[in-house]
Amino acid sequence: MVNGITSVAITKLDVLSSFQKIKVCVGYKLNGKRIKYFPTAVEQLSNVKPIYEELDGWNEDISNCTSFDQLPARTKAYLNFIAEQSGIKIEIISVGPKRKQTFYK
């Protein structure tokens, strides 16, 4: 919102391939009340608790995928969840360290 971000690049997606479950922080609780932003006041930080949503991992090697369509269904679901929660389009995806392992969605 502050910086006018219109799209993001998701890198190191291959690192998540070994997880059975992936926890994603979707908000915070501050003094028992749910908030969607991370508080910037230092005195509030000791009272902040993250709220996680747990997604299924994909436990598959995705390093040879060259397009969004080739990704496993659970990987696509994870990326779609990130885009929906953040409200920002995912434009670039990287599934490994090599240049040819990065593609546009």
C-alpha atoms as a PDB file:
ATOM      1  CA  MET A   1       0.000   0.000   0.000  1.00  0.00           C
ATOM      2  CA  VAL A   2       2.742   2.433   0.910  1.00  0.00           C
ATOM      3  CA  ASN A   3       5.118   1.649  -1.948  1.00  0.00           C
ATOM      4  CA  GLY A   4       2.599   0.986  -4.711  1.00  0.00           C
ATOM      5  CA  ILE A   5       3.707  -2.601  -5.335  1.00  0.00           C
ATOM      6  CA  THR A   6       1.820  -4.087  -8.279  1.00  0.00           C
ATOM      7  CA  SER A   7       3.480  -7.521  -8.484  1.00  0.00           C
ATOM      8  CA  VAL A   8       6.059  -9.686  -6.722  1.00  0.00           C
ATOM      9  CA  ALA A   9       8.664 -12.323  -7.493  1.00  0.00           C
ATOM     10  CA  ILE A  10       8.562 -15.521  -5.446  1.00  0.00           C
ATOM     11  CA  THR A  11      12.061 -16.967  -5.205  1.00  0.00           C
ATOM     12  CA  LYS A  12      13.484 -20.085  -3.568  1.00  0.00           C
ATOM     13  CA  LEU A  13      10.166 -21.901  -3.992  1.00  0.00           C
ATOM     14  CA  ASP A  14      12.137 -25.142  -4.334  1.00  0.00           C
ATOM     15  CA  VAL A  15      13.303 -24.805  -0.712  1.00  0.00           C
ATOM     16  CA  LEU A  16       9.734 -25.474   0.467  1.00  0.00           C
ATOM     17  CA  SER A  17       9.522 -28.761  -1.464  1.00  0.00           C
ATOM     18  CA  SER A  18      10.525 -30.903   1.512  1.00  0.00           C
ATOM     19  CA  PHE A  19       7.816 -29.672   3.907  1.00  0.00           C
ATOM     20  CA  GLN A  20       4.659 -31.700   4.591  1.00  0.00           C
ATOM     21  CA  LYS A  21       2.916 -28.567   5.901  1.00  0.00           C
ATOM     22  CA  ILE A  22       3.693 -24.874   5.366  1.00  0.00           C
ATOM     23  CA  LYS A  23       2.630 -22.313   7.950  1.00  0.00           C
ATOM     24  CA  VAL A  24       1.732 -18.878   6.582  1.00  0.00           C
ATOM     25  CA  CYS A  25       1.182 -15.915   8.868  1.00  0.00           C
ATOM     26  CA  VAL A  26      -2.171 -14.333   7.938  1.00  0.00           C
ATOM     27  CA  GLY A  27      -2.489 -11.804  10.732  1.00  0.00           C
ATOM     28  CA  TYR A  28      -1.633 -11.008  14.317  1.00  0.00           C
ATOM     29  CA  LYS A  29      -3.280 -10.841  17.697  1.00  0.00           C
ATOM     30  CA  LEU A  30      -2.495  -7.809  19.803  1.00  0.00           C
ATOM     31  CA  ASN A  31      -3.851  -7.926  23.338  1.00  0.00           C
ATOM     32  CA  GLY A  32      -6.370 -10.588  22.258  1.00  0.00           C
ATOM     33  CA  LYS A  33      -7.663  -8.572  19.280  1.00  0.00           C
ATOM     34  CA  ARG A  34      -7.005  -9.669  15.683  1.00  0.00           C
ATOM     35  CA  ILE A  35      -5.142  -7.215  13.461  1.00  0.00           C
ATOM     36  CA  LYS A  36      -3.869  -7.582   9.867  1.00  0.00           C
ATOM     37  CA  TYR A  37      -0.807  -5.366  10.154  1.00  0.00           C
ATOM     38  CA  PHE A  38       2.476  -5.818  11.978  1.00  0.00           C
ATOM     39  CA  PRO A  39       2.717  -3.229  14.754  1.00  0.00           C
ATOM     40  CA  THR A  40       5.669  -0.880  14.520  1.00  0.00           C
ATOM     41  CA  ALA A  41       5.596   0.336  18.119  1.00  0.00           C
ATOM     42  CA  VAL A  42       8.336  -1.425  20.096  1.00  0.00           C
ATOM     43  CA  GLU A  43       6.250  -1.486  23.263  1.00  0.00           C
ATOM     44  CA  GLN A  44       3.528  -3.517  21.489  1.00  0.00           C
ATOM     45  CA  LEU A  45       5.818  -6.252  20.148  1.00  0.00           C
ATOM     46  CA  SER A  46       5.880  -8.288  23.371  1.00  0.00           C
ATOM     47  CA  ASN A  47       2.068  -8.587  23.144  1.00  0.00           C
ATOM     48  CA  VAL A  48       1.873  -9.608  19.480  1.00  0.00           C
ATOM     49  CA  LYS A  49       1.150 -13.220  18.536  1.00  0.00           C
ATOM     50  CA  PRO A  50       1.164 -14.428  14.916  1.00  0.00           C
ATOM     51  CA  ILE A  51      -1.896 -16.175  13.480  1.00  0.00           C
ATOM     52  CA  TYR A  52      -0.949 -18.999  11.120  1.00  0.00           C
ATOM     53  CA  GLU A  53      -2.855 -20.816   8.441  1.00  0.00           C
ATOM     54  CA  GLU A  54      -1.405 -24.206   7.593  1.00  0.00           C
ATOM     55  CA  LEU A  55      -1.261 -25.315   3.954  1.00  0.00           C
ATOM     56  CA  ASP A  56      -0.356 -28.711   2.528  1.00  0.00           C
ATOM     57  CA  GLY A  57       3.187 -29.022   1.232  1.00  0.00           C
ATOM     58  CA  TRP A  58       3.926 -30.704  -2.060  1.00  0.00           C
ATOM     59  CA  ASN A  59       6.982 -32.849  -1.232  1.00  0.00           C
ATOM     60  CA  GLU A  60       7.978 -33.025  -4.916  1.00  0.00           C
ATOM     61  CA  ASP A  61      11.003 -31.825  -6.851  1.00  0.00           C
ATOM     62  CA  ILE A  62       9.890 -28.727  -8.757  1.00  0.00           C
ATOM     63  CA  SER A  63      13.344 -27.652  -9.951  1.00  0.00           C
ATOM     64  CA  ASN A  64      12.658 -28.758 -13.541  1.00  0.00           C
ATOM     65  CA  CYS A  65       9.361 -26.872 -13.889  1.00  0.00           C
ATOM     66  CA  THR A  66       9.512 -24.128 -16.491  1.00  0.00           C
ATOM     67  CA  SER A  67       5.975 -22.762 -16.203  1.00  0.00           C
ATOM     68  CA  PHE A  68       3.214 -22.276 -13.653  1.00  0.00           C
ATOM     69  CA  ASP A  69       1.173 -25.008 -15.355  1.00  0.00           C
ATOM     70  CA  GLN A  70       3.928 -27.587 -14.690  1.00  0.00           C
ATOM     71  CA  LEU A  71       3.924 -26.976 -10.927  1.00  0.00           C
ATOM     72  CA  PRO A  72       2.162 -29.499  -8.674  1.00  0.00           C
ATOM     73  CA  ALA A  73      -1.411 -28.615  -7.674  1.00  0.00           C
ATOM     74  CA  ARG A  74      -0.405 -27.954  -4.048  1.00  0.00           C
ATOM     75  CA  THR A  75       2.366 -25.586  -5.151  1.00  0.00           C
ATOM     76  CA  LYS A  76      -0.113 -23.678  -7.289  1.00  0.00           C
ATOM     77  CA  ALA A  77      -2.545 -23.585  -4.353  1.00  0.00           C
ATOM     78  CA  TYR A  78       0.208 -22.138  -2.132  1.00  0.00           C
ATOM     79  CA  LEU A  79       1.068 -19.429  -4.672  1.00  0.00           C
ATOM     80  CA  ASN A  80      -2.601 -18.570  -5.236  1.00  0.00           C
ATOM     81  CA  PHE A  81      -3.090 -18.337  -1.464  1.00  0.00           C
ATOM     82  CA  ILE A  82      -0.139 -15.932  -1.145  1.00  0.00           C
ATOM     83  CA  ALA A  83      -1.520 -13.769  -3.966  1.00  0.00           C
ATOM     84  CA  GLU A  84      -5.034 -13.731  -2.479  1.00  0.00           C
ATOM     85  CA  GLN A  85      -3.870 -12.952   1.055  1.00  0.00           C
ATOM     86  CA  SER A  86      -1.479 -10.203  -0.019  1.00  0.00           C
ATOM     87  CA  GLY A  87      -3.684  -8.780  -2.762  1.00  0.00           C
ATOM     88  CA  ILE A  88      -0.619  -8.636  -5.005  1.00  0.00           C
ATOM     89  CA  LYS A  89      -0.143 -10.498  -8.292  1.00  0.00           C
ATOM     90  CA  ILE A  90       2.724 -12.991  -8.478  1.00  0.00           C
ATOM     91  CA  GLU A  91       4.539 -12.287 -11.718  1.00  0.00           C
ATOM     92  CA  ILE A  92       7.870 -14.125 -11.441  1.00  0.00           C
ATOM     93  CA  ILE A  93       8.553 -17.564  -9.924  1.00  0.00           C
ATOM     94  CA  SER A  94      11.933 -19.117  -9.225  1.00  0.00           C
ATOM     95  CA  VAL A  95      12.303 -22.859  -8.574  1.00  0.00           C
ATOM     96  CA  GLY A  96      16.083 -23.008  -8.252  1.00  0.00           C
ATOM     97  CA  PRO A  97      19.322 -21.022  -8.367  1.00  0.00           C
ATOM     98  CA  LYS A  98      19.911 -21.163 -12.131  1.00  0.00           C
ATOM     99  CA  ARG A  99      18.699 -18.436 -14.465  1.00  0.00           C
ATOM    100  CA  LYS A 100      16.628 -20.898 -16.507  1.00  0.00           C
ATOM    101  CA  GLN A 101      14.791 -21.925 -13.319  1.00  0.00           C
ATOM    102  CA  THR A 102      13.020 -18.571 -13.209  1.00  0.00           C
ATOM    103  CA  PHE A 103       9.886 -17.960 -15.249  1.00  0.00           C
ATOM    104  CA  TYR A 104       6.950 -15.594 -15.586  1.00  0.00           C
ATOM    105  CA  LYS A 105       3.571 -16.743 -14.320  1.00  0.00           C
END
